[in-house]
Amino acid sequence: MRTASDDTDILRLLSGAEFLADLFELVRSGRFKYKGMGTLPHPDADGTYPAKLIFRGEGLTMVLKPGGEWQTLLEAGAGMDLRIRML
């Protein structure tokens, strides 16, 4: 029987690069769909609210910076996702 510590150990073995590769594969496969540009309800480190690339699918919202750099992953229909302002 697996325990919570087993799951934690498995997650530690996965690198951030593998996680991101899996998410980008969801885009390539069409399971995450591009929905347009939007702004998050919280500013970036420089205090601005730049437009981001918004993808949705599988009950999640993936947010990328305009150059394709990872920003965040949100639960669709909850929390900060509800406050994304689509442009």
PDB file of N, CA and C in Angstrom:
ATOM      1  N   MET A   1       0.844  -1.184   0.000  1.00  0.00           N
ATOM      2  CA  MET A   1       0.000   0.000   0.000  1.00  0.00           C
ATOM      3  C   MET A   1       0.884   1.240   0.000  1.00  0.00           C
ATOM      4  N   ARG A   2       0.535   2.205  -0.856  1.00  0.00           N
ATOM      5  CA  ARG A   2       1.306   3.450  -0.950  1.00  0.00           C
ATOM      6  C   ARG A   2       0.918   4.384   0.179  1.00  0.00           C
ATOM      7  N   THR A   3       1.873   5.160   0.604  1.00  0.00           N
ATOM      8  CA  THR A   3       1.615   6.149   1.650  1.00  0.00           C
ATOM      9  C   THR A   3       1.876   7.542   1.107  1.00  0.00           C
ATOM     10  N   ALA A   4       1.471   8.546   1.863  1.00  0.00           N
ATOM     11  CA  ALA A   4       1.706   9.932   1.457  1.00  0.00           C
ATOM     12  C   ALA A   4       3.195  10.196   1.284  1.00  0.00           C
ATOM     13  N   SER A   5       4.034   9.596   2.132  1.00  0.00           N
ATOM     14  CA  SER A   5       5.477   9.824   1.992  1.00  0.00           C
ATOM     15  C   SER A   5       5.999   9.224   0.694  1.00  0.00           C
ATOM     16  N   ASP A   6       5.414   8.094   0.228  1.00  0.00           N
ATOM     17  CA  ASP A   6       5.802   7.523  -1.062  1.00  0.00           C
ATOM     18  C   ASP A   6       5.522   8.521  -2.181  1.00  0.00           C
ATOM     19  N   ASP A   7       4.341   9.148  -2.144  1.00  0.00           N
ATOM     20  CA  ASP A   7       3.983  10.126  -3.167  1.00  0.00           C
ATOM     21  C   ASP A   7       4.935  11.312  -3.127  1.00  0.00           C
ATOM     22  N   THR A   8       5.293  11.766  -1.932  1.00  0.00           N
ATOM     23  CA  THR A   8       6.218  12.883  -1.799  1.00  0.00           C
ATOM     24  C   THR A   8       7.571  12.513  -2.380  1.00  0.00           C
ATOM     25  N   ASP A   9       8.046  11.312  -2.115  1.00  0.00           N
ATOM     26  CA  ASP A   9       9.333  10.872  -2.648  1.00  0.00           C
ATOM     27  C   ASP A   9       9.303  10.821  -4.172  1.00  0.00           C
ATOM     28  N   ILE A  10       8.191  10.356  -4.727  1.00  0.00           N
ATOM     29  CA  ILE A  10       8.060  10.291  -6.185  1.00  0.00           C
ATOM     30  C   ILE A  10       8.087  11.698  -6.776  1.00  0.00           C
ATOM     31  N   LEU A  11       7.360  12.626  -6.151  1.00  0.00           N
ATOM     32  CA  LEU A  11       7.343  13.995  -6.653  1.00  0.00           C
ATOM     33  C   LEU A  11       8.719  14.629  -6.603  1.00  0.00           C
ATOM     34  N   ARG A  12       9.507  14.305  -5.606  1.00  0.00           N
ATOM     35  CA  ARG A  12      10.867  14.855  -5.514  1.00  0.00           C
ATOM     36  C   ARG A  12      11.739  14.371  -6.647  1.00  0.00           C
ATOM     37  N   LEU A  13      11.461  13.175  -7.165  1.00  0.00           N
ATOM     38  CA  LEU A  13      12.263  12.634  -8.257  1.00  0.00           C
ATOM     39  C   LEU A  13      11.979  13.329  -9.586  1.00  0.00           C
ATOM     40  N   LEU A  14      10.783  13.864  -9.720  1.00  0.00           N
ATOM     41  CA  LEU A  14      10.418  14.544 -10.959  1.00  0.00           C
ATOM     42  C   LEU A  14      11.033  15.934 -10.981  1.00  0.00           C
ATOM     43  N   SER A  15      11.698  16.255 -12.055  1.00  0.00           N
ATOM     44  CA  SER A  15      12.283  17.597 -12.151  1.00  0.00           C
ATOM     45  C   SER A  15      11.236  18.569 -12.677  1.00  0.00           C
ATOM     46  N   GLY A  16      11.453  19.841 -12.427  1.00  0.00           N
ATOM     47  CA  GLY A  16      10.572  20.872 -12.961  1.00  0.00           C
ATOM     48  C   GLY A  16      10.499  20.809 -14.473  1.00  0.00           C
ATOM     49  N   ALA A  17      11.595  20.448 -15.116  1.00  0.00           N
ATOM     50  CA  ALA A  17      11.619  20.361 -16.579  1.00  0.00           C
ATOM     51  C   ALA A  17      10.661  19.284 -17.077  1.00  0.00           C
ATOM     52  N   GLU A  18      10.602  18.153 -16.397  1.00  0.00           N
ATOM     53  CA  GLU A  18       9.694  17.080 -16.799  1.00  0.00           C
ATOM     54  C   GLU A  18       8.239  17.513 -16.627  1.00  0.00           C
ATOM     55  N   PHE A  19       7.956  18.195 -15.538  1.00  0.00           N
ATOM     56  CA  PHE A  19       6.609  18.696 -15.269  1.00  0.00           C
ATOM     57  C   PHE A  19       6.177  19.651 -16.374  1.00  0.00           C
ATOM     58  N   LEU A  20       7.052  20.605 -16.715  1.00  0.00           N
ATOM     59  CA  LEU A  20       6.727  21.572 -17.768  1.00  0.00           C
ATOM     60  C   LEU A  20       6.581  20.886 -19.115  1.00  0.00           C
ATOM     61  N   ALA A  21       7.438  19.922 -19.402  1.00  0.00           N
ATOM     62  CA  ALA A  21       7.338  19.193 -20.672  1.00  0.00           C
ATOM     63  C   ALA A  21       5.990  18.492 -20.776  1.00  0.00           C
ATOM     64  N   ASP A  22       5.526  17.911 -19.674  1.00  0.00           N
ATOM     65  CA  ASP A  22       4.222  17.242 -19.674  1.00  0.00           C
ATOM     66  C   ASP A  22       3.093  18.239 -19.937  1.00  0.00           C
ATOM     67  N   LEU A  23       3.174  19.412 -19.315  1.00  0.00           N
ATOM     68  CA  LEU A  23       2.134  20.426 -19.533  1.00  0.00           C
ATOM     69  C   LEU A  23       2.140  20.916 -20.971  1.00  0.00           C
ATOM     70  N   PHE A  24       3.314  21.166 -21.527  1.00  0.00           N
ATOM     71  CA  PHE A  24       3.375  21.631 -22.908  1.00  0.00           C
ATOM     72  C   PHE A  24       2.915  20.550 -23.883  1.00  0.00           C
ATOM     73  N   GLU A  25       3.092  19.293 -23.521  1.00  0.00           N
ATOM     74  CA  GLU A  25       2.566  18.205 -24.350  1.00  0.00           C
ATOM     75  C   GLU A  25       1.039  18.242 -24.362  1.00  0.00           C
ATOM     76  N   LEU A  26       0.415  18.653 -23.262  1.00  0.00           N
ATOM     77  CA  LEU A  26      -1.043  18.800 -23.236  1.00  0.00           C
ATOM     78  C   LEU A  26      -1.498  19.869 -24.226  1.00  0.00           C
ATOM     79  N   VAL A  27      -0.699  20.899 -24.415  1.00  0.00           N
ATOM     80  CA  VAL A  27      -1.012  21.931 -25.418  1.00  0.00           C
ATOM     81  C   VAL A  27      -0.848  21.347 -26.815  1.00  0.00           C
ATOM     82  N   ARG A  28       0.295  20.708 -27.042  1.00  0.00           N
ATOM     83  CA  ARG A  28       0.564  20.137 -28.376  1.00  0.00           C
ATOM     84  C   ARG A  28      -0.496  19.105 -28.771  1.00  0.00           C
ATOM     85  N   SER A  29      -0.976  18.336 -27.796  1.00  0.00           N
ATOM     86  CA  SER A  29      -1.952  17.284 -28.091  1.00  0.00           C
ATOM     87  C   SER A  29      -3.369  17.823 -28.266  1.00  0.00           C
ATOM     88  N   GLY A  30      -3.584  19.105 -27.925  1.00  0.00           N
ATOM     89  CA  GLY A  30      -4.906  19.695 -28.051  1.00  0.00           C
ATOM     90  C   GLY A  30      -5.770  19.544 -26.815  1.00  0.00           C
ATOM     91  N   ARG A  31      -5.247  18.930 -25.767  1.00  0.00           N
ATOM     92  CA  ARG A  31      -6.037  18.774 -24.536  1.00  0.00           C
ATOM     93  C   ARG A  31      -6.130  20.086 -23.758  1.00  0.00           C
ATOM     94  N   PHE A  32      -5.147  20.969 -23.911  1.00  0.00           N
ATOM     95  CA  PHE A  32      -5.222  22.346 -23.423  1.00  0.00           C
ATOM     96  C   PHE A  32      -5.413  23.219 -24.653  1.00  0.00           C
ATOM     97  N   LYS A  33      -6.391  24.088 -24.627  1.00  0.00           N
ATOM     98  CA  LYS A  33      -6.704  24.955 -25.769  1.00  0.00           C
ATOM     99  C   LYS A  33      -6.354  26.399 -25.435  1.00  0.00           C
ATOM    100  N   TYR A  34      -5.775  27.087 -26.413  1.00  0.00           N
ATOM    101  CA  TYR A  34      -5.477  28.507 -26.262  1.00  0.00           C
ATOM    102  C   TYR A  34      -6.791  29.281 -26.244  1.00  0.00           C
ATOM    103  N   LYS A  35      -6.993  30.108 -25.215  1.00  0.00           N
ATOM    104  CA  LYS A  35      -8.231  30.870 -25.070  1.00  0.00           C
ATOM    105  C   LYS A  35      -8.045  32.344 -25.353  1.00  0.00           C
ATOM    106  N   GLY A  36      -6.799  32.800 -25.438  1.00  0.00           N
ATOM    107  CA  GLY A  36      -6.546  34.205 -25.718  1.00  0.00           C
ATOM    108  C   GLY A  36      -5.596  34.811 -24.700  1.00  0.00           C
ATOM    109  N   MET A  37      -5.531  36.131 -24.738  1.00  0.00           N
ATOM    110  CA  MET A  37      -4.679  36.881 -23.827  1.00  0.00           C
ATOM    111  C   MET A  37      -5.523  37.355 -22.649  1.00  0.00           C
ATOM    112  N   GLY A  38      -4.909  37.395 -21.476  1.00  0.00           N
ATOM    113  CA  GLY A  38      -5.608  37.865 -20.292  1.00  0.00           C
ATOM    114  C   GLY A  38      -4.617  38.370 -19.262  1.00  0.00           C
ATOM    115  N   THR A  39      -5.125  39.074 -18.267  1.00  0.00           N
ATOM    116  CA  THR A  39      -4.278  39.554 -17.186  1.00  0.00           C
ATOM    117  C   THR A  39      -4.678  38.873 -15.881  1.00  0.00           C
ATOM    118  N   LEU A  40      -3.688  38.611 -15.058  1.00  0.00           N
ATOM    119  CA  LEU A  40      -3.924  38.028 -13.742  1.00  0.00           C
ATOM    120  C   LEU A  40      -4.294  39.130 -12.761  1.00  0.00           C
ATOM    121  N   PRO A  41      -4.963  38.778 -11.662  1.00  0.00           N
ATOM    122  CA  PRO A  41      -5.392  39.803 -10.704  1.00  0.00           C
ATOM    123  C   PRO A  41      -4.268  40.359  -9.832  1.00  0.00           C
ATOM    124  N   HIS A  42      -3.073  39.767  -9.920  1.00  0.00           N
ATOM    125  CA  HIS A  42      -1.941  40.239  -9.128  1.00  0.00           C
ATOM    126  C   HIS A  42      -0.848  40.724 -10.068  1.00  0.00           C
ATOM    127  N   PRO A  43      -0.155  41.821  -9.712  1.00  0.00           N
ATOM    128  CA  PRO A  43       0.888  42.345 -10.604  1.00  0.00           C
ATOM    129  C   PRO A  43       2.125  41.453 -10.624  1.00  0.00           C
ATOM    130  N   ASP A  44       2.909  41.618 -11.688  1.00  0.00           N
ATOM    131  CA  ASP A  44       4.218  40.981 -11.756  1.00  0.00           C
ATOM    132  C   ASP A  44       5.153  41.685 -10.770  1.00  0.00           C
ATOM    133  N   ALA A  45       6.351  41.192 -10.638  1.00  0.00           N
ATOM    134  CA  ALA A  45       7.323  41.751  -9.689  1.00  0.00           C
ATOM    135  C   ALA A  45       7.597  43.234  -9.931  1.00  0.00           C
ATOM    136  N   ASP A  46       7.445  43.673 -11.187  1.00  0.00           N
ATOM    137  CA  ASP A  46       7.714  45.086 -11.505  1.00  0.00           C
ATOM    138  C   ASP A  46       6.494  45.980 -11.284  1.00  0.00           C
ATOM    139  N   GLY A  47       5.403  45.405 -10.772  1.00  0.00           N
ATOM    140  CA  GLY A  47       4.206  46.185 -10.475  1.00  0.00           C
ATOM    141  C   GLY A  47       3.244  46.353 -11.636  1.00  0.00           C
ATOM    142  N   THR A  48       3.537  45.766 -12.785  1.00  0.00           N
ATOM    143  CA  THR A  48       2.661  45.883 -13.952  1.00  0.00           C
ATOM    144  C   THR A  48       1.747  44.658 -14.065  1.00  0.00           C
ATOM    145  N   TYR A  49       0.730  44.801 -14.900  1.00  0.00           N
ATOM    146  CA  TYR A  49      -0.227  43.720 -15.166  1.00  0.00           C
ATOM    147  C   TYR A  49      -0.176  43.363 -16.657  1.00  0.00           C
ATOM    148  N   PRO A  50       0.931  42.784 -17.129  1.00  0.00           N
ATOM    149  CA  PRO A  50       1.029  42.485 -18.556  1.00  0.00           C
ATOM    150  C   PRO A  50       0.090  41.361 -18.987  1.00  0.00           C
ATOM    151  N   ALA A  51      -0.263  41.390 -20.255  1.00  0.00           N
ATOM    152  CA  ALA A  51      -1.109  40.340 -20.827  1.00  0.00           C
ATOM    153  C   ALA A  51      -0.348  39.018 -20.836  1.00  0.00           C
ATOM    154  N   LYS A  52      -1.054  37.941 -20.583  1.00  0.00           N
ATOM    155  CA  LYS A  52      -0.493  36.583 -20.557  1.00  0.00           C
ATOM    156  C   LYS A  52      -1.258  35.701 -21.533  1.00  0.00           C
ATOM    157  N   LEU A  53      -0.627  34.613 -21.941  1.00  0.00           N
ATOM    158  CA  LEU A  53      -1.266  33.607 -22.784  1.00  0.00           C
ATOM    159  C   LEU A  53      -2.062  32.667 -21.869  1.00  0.00           C
ATOM    160  N   ILE A  54      -3.339  32.473 -22.159  1.00  0.00           N
ATOM    161  CA  ILE A  54      -4.217  31.659 -21.327  1.00  0.00           C
ATOM    162  C   ILE A  54      -4.622  30.394 -22.095  1.00  0.00           C
ATOM    163  N   PHE A  55      -4.365  29.243 -21.474  1.00  0.00           N
ATOM    164  CA  PHE A  55      -4.747  27.942 -22.020  1.00  0.00           C
ATOM    165  C   PHE A  55      -5.634  27.246 -20.994  1.00  0.00           C
ATOM    166  N   ARG A  56      -6.667  26.533 -21.462  1.00  0.00           N
ATOM    167  CA  ARG A  56      -7.551  25.817 -20.539  1.00  0.00           C
ATOM    168  C   ARG A  56      -7.818  24.402 -21.044  1.00  0.00           C
ATOM    169  N   GLY A  57      -7.980  23.495 -20.086  1.00  0.00           N
ATOM    170  CA  GLY A  57      -8.322  22.113 -20.393  1.00  0.00           C
ATOM    171  C   GLY A  57      -8.078  21.229 -19.193  1.00  0.00           C
ATOM    172  N   GLU A  58      -8.706  20.063 -19.176  1.00  0.00           N
ATOM    173  CA  GLU A  58      -8.498  19.087 -18.110  1.00  0.00           C
ATOM    174  C   GLU A  58      -8.787  19.662 -16.719  1.00  0.00           C
ATOM    175  N   GLY A  59      -9.672  20.675 -16.639  1.00  0.00           N
ATOM    176  CA  GLY A  59     -10.003  21.273 -15.353  1.00  0.00           C
ATOM    177  C   GLY A  59      -8.955  22.233 -14.817  1.00  0.00           C
ATOM    178  N   LEU A  60      -8.034  22.646 -15.697  1.00  0.00           N
ATOM    179  CA  LEU A  60      -6.939  23.521 -15.294  1.00  0.00           C
ATOM    180  C   LEU A  60      -6.835  24.719 -16.225  1.00  0.00           C
ATOM    181  N   THR A  61      -6.199  25.776 -15.731  1.00  0.00           N
ATOM    182  CA  THR A  61      -5.852  26.938 -16.542  1.00  0.00           C
ATOM    183  C   THR A  61      -4.343  27.119 -16.444  1.00  0.00           C
ATOM    184  N   MET A  62      -3.674  27.100 -17.588  1.00  0.00           N
ATOM    185  CA  MET A  62      -2.235  27.321 -17.635  1.00  0.00           C
ATOM    186  C   MET A  62      -1.984  28.724 -18.151  1.00  0.00           C
ATOM    187  N   VAL A  63      -1.112  29.446 -17.445  1.00  0.00           N
ATOM    188  CA  VAL A  63      -0.800  30.829 -17.802  1.00  0.00           C
ATOM    189  C   VAL A  63       0.675  30.913 -18.164  1.00  0.00           C
ATOM    190  N   LEU A  64       0.949  31.471 -19.348  1.00  0.00           N
ATOM    191  CA  LEU A  64       2.311  31.667 -19.822  1.00  0.00           C
ATOM    192  C   LEU A  64       2.565  33.142 -20.070  1.00  0.00           C
ATOM    193  N   LYS A  65       3.814  33.557 -19.899  1.00  0.00           N
ATOM    194  CA  LYS A  65       4.210  34.910 -20.271  1.00  0.00           C
ATOM    195  C   LYS A  65       4.198  34.983 -21.794  1.00  0.00           C
ATOM    196  N   PRO A  66       4.132  36.185 -22.383  1.00  0.00           N
ATOM    197  CA  PRO A  66       4.028  36.310 -23.836  1.00  0.00           C
ATOM    198  C   PRO A  66       5.108  35.576 -24.630  1.00  0.00           C
ATOM    199  N   GLY A  67       6.305  35.451 -24.078  1.00  0.00           N
ATOM    200  CA  GLY A  67       7.377  34.740 -24.771  1.00  0.00           C
ATOM    201  C   GLY A  67       7.311  33.236 -24.607  1.00  0.00           C
ATOM    202  N   GLY A  68       6.284  32.724 -23.930  1.00  0.00           N
ATOM    203  CA  GLY A  68       6.123  31.292 -23.732  1.00  0.00           C
ATOM    204  C   GLY A  68       6.680  30.783 -22.420  1.00  0.00           C
ATOM    205  N   GLU A  69       7.224  31.677 -21.596  1.00  0.00           N
ATOM    206  CA  GLU A  69       7.774  31.271 -20.305  1.00  0.00           C
ATOM    207  C   GLU A  69       6.638  30.921 -19.341  1.00  0.00           C
ATOM    208  N   TRP A  70       6.844  29.859 -18.572  1.00  0.00           N
ATOM    209  CA  TRP A  70       5.879  29.386 -17.593  1.00  0.00           C
ATOM    210  C   TRP A  70       5.540  30.478 -16.589  1.00  0.00           C
ATOM    211  N   GLN A  71       4.263  30.635 -16.248  1.00  0.00           N
ATOM    212  CA  GLN A  71       3.830  31.569 -15.208  1.00  0.00           C
ATOM    213  C   GLN A  71       3.189  30.800 -14.053  1.00  0.00           C
ATOM    214  N   THR A  72       2.054  30.131 -14.318  1.00  0.00           N
ATOM    215  CA  THR A  72       1.381  29.409 -13.239  1.00  0.00           C
ATOM    216  C   THR A  72       0.354  28.432 -13.801  1.00  0.00           C
ATOM    217  N   LEU A  73      -0.106  27.558 -12.936  1.00  0.00           N
ATOM    218  CA  LEU A  73      -1.171  26.610 -13.252  1.00  0.00           C
ATOM    219  C   LEU A  73      -2.244  26.798 -12.192  1.00  0.00           C
ATOM    220  N   LEU A  74      -3.482  26.964 -12.634  1.00  0.00           N
ATOM    221  CA  LEU A  74      -4.594  27.250 -11.726  1.00  0.00           C
ATOM    222  C   LEU A  74      -5.703  26.219 -11.901  1.00  0.00           C
ATOM    223  N   GLU A  75      -6.483  26.030 -10.857  1.00  0.00           N
ATOM    224  CA  GLU A  75      -7.682  25.205 -10.966  1.00  0.00           C
ATOM    225  C   GLU A  75      -8.731  26.017 -11.714  1.00  0.00           C
ATOM    226  N   ALA A  76      -9.240  25.475 -12.810  1.00  0.00           N
ATOM    227  CA  ALA A  76     -10.246  26.186 -13.605  1.00  0.00           C
ATOM    228  C   ALA A  76     -11.514  26.391 -12.796  1.00  0.00           C
ATOM    229  N   GLY A  77     -12.065  27.592 -12.892  1.00  0.00           N
ATOM    230  CA  GLY A  77     -13.331  27.891 -12.240  1.00  0.00           C
ATOM    231  C   GLY A  77     -13.241  28.142 -10.751  1.00  0.00           C
ATOM    232  N   ALA A  78     -12.021  28.375 -10.251  1.00  0.00           N
ATOM    233  CA  ALA A  78     -11.849  28.611  -8.816  1.00  0.00           C
ATOM    234  C   ALA A  78     -10.768  29.661  -8.574  1.00  0.00           C
ATOM    235  N   GLY A  79     -10.845  30.301  -7.426  1.00  0.00           N
ATOM    236  CA  GLY A  79      -9.788  31.210  -6.986  1.00  0.00           C
ATOM    237  C   GLY A  79      -9.378  32.244  -8.017  1.00  0.00           C
ATOM    238  N   MET A  80      -8.070  32.338  -8.236  1.00  0.00           N
ATOM    239  CA  MET A  80      -7.518  33.353  -9.128  1.00  0.00           C
ATOM    240  C   MET A  80      -7.997  33.177 -10.573  1.00  0.00           C
ATOM    241  N   ASP A  81      -8.319  31.956 -10.971  1.00  0.00           N
ATOM    242  CA  ASP A  81      -8.812  31.732 -12.327  1.00  0.00           C
ATOM    243  C   ASP A  81     -10.063  32.557 -12.599  1.00  0.00           C
ATOM    244  N   LEU A  82     -10.914  32.693 -11.607  1.00  0.00           N
ATOM    245  CA  LEU A  82     -12.155  33.448 -11.784  1.00  0.00           C
ATOM    246  C   LEU A  82     -11.896  34.949 -11.965  1.00  0.00           C
ATOM    247  N   ARG A  83     -10.693  35.383 -11.582  1.00  0.00           N
ATOM    248  CA  ARG A  83     -10.382  36.810 -11.662  1.00  0.00           C
ATOM    249  C   ARG A  83      -9.464  37.169 -12.822  1.00  0.00           C
ATOM    250  N   ILE A  84      -9.188  36.207 -13.721  1.00  0.00           N
ATOM    251  CA  ILE A  84      -8.448  36.533 -14.933  1.00  0.00           C
ATOM    252  C   ILE A  84      -9.328  37.420 -15.801  1.00  0.00           C
ATOM    253  N   ARG A  85      -8.760  38.506 -16.270  1.00  0.00           N
ATOM    254  CA  ARG A  85      -9.500  39.414 -17.158  1.00  0.00           C
ATOM    255  C   ARG A  85      -9.035  39.141 -18.591  1.00  0.00           C
ATOM    256  N   MET A  86      -9.905  38.530 -19.375  1.00  0.00           N
ATOM    257  CA  MET A  86      -9.562  38.240 -20.775  1.00  0.00           C
ATOM    258  C   MET A  86      -9.616  39.535 -21.571  1.00  0.00           C
ATOM    259  N   LEU A  87      -8.663  39.678 -22.477  1.00  0.00           N
ATOM    260  CA  LEU A  87      -8.567  40.894 -23.291  1.00  0.00           C
ATOM    261  C   LEU A  87      -9.188  40.705 -24.654  1.00  0.00           C
TER     262      LEU A  87
END
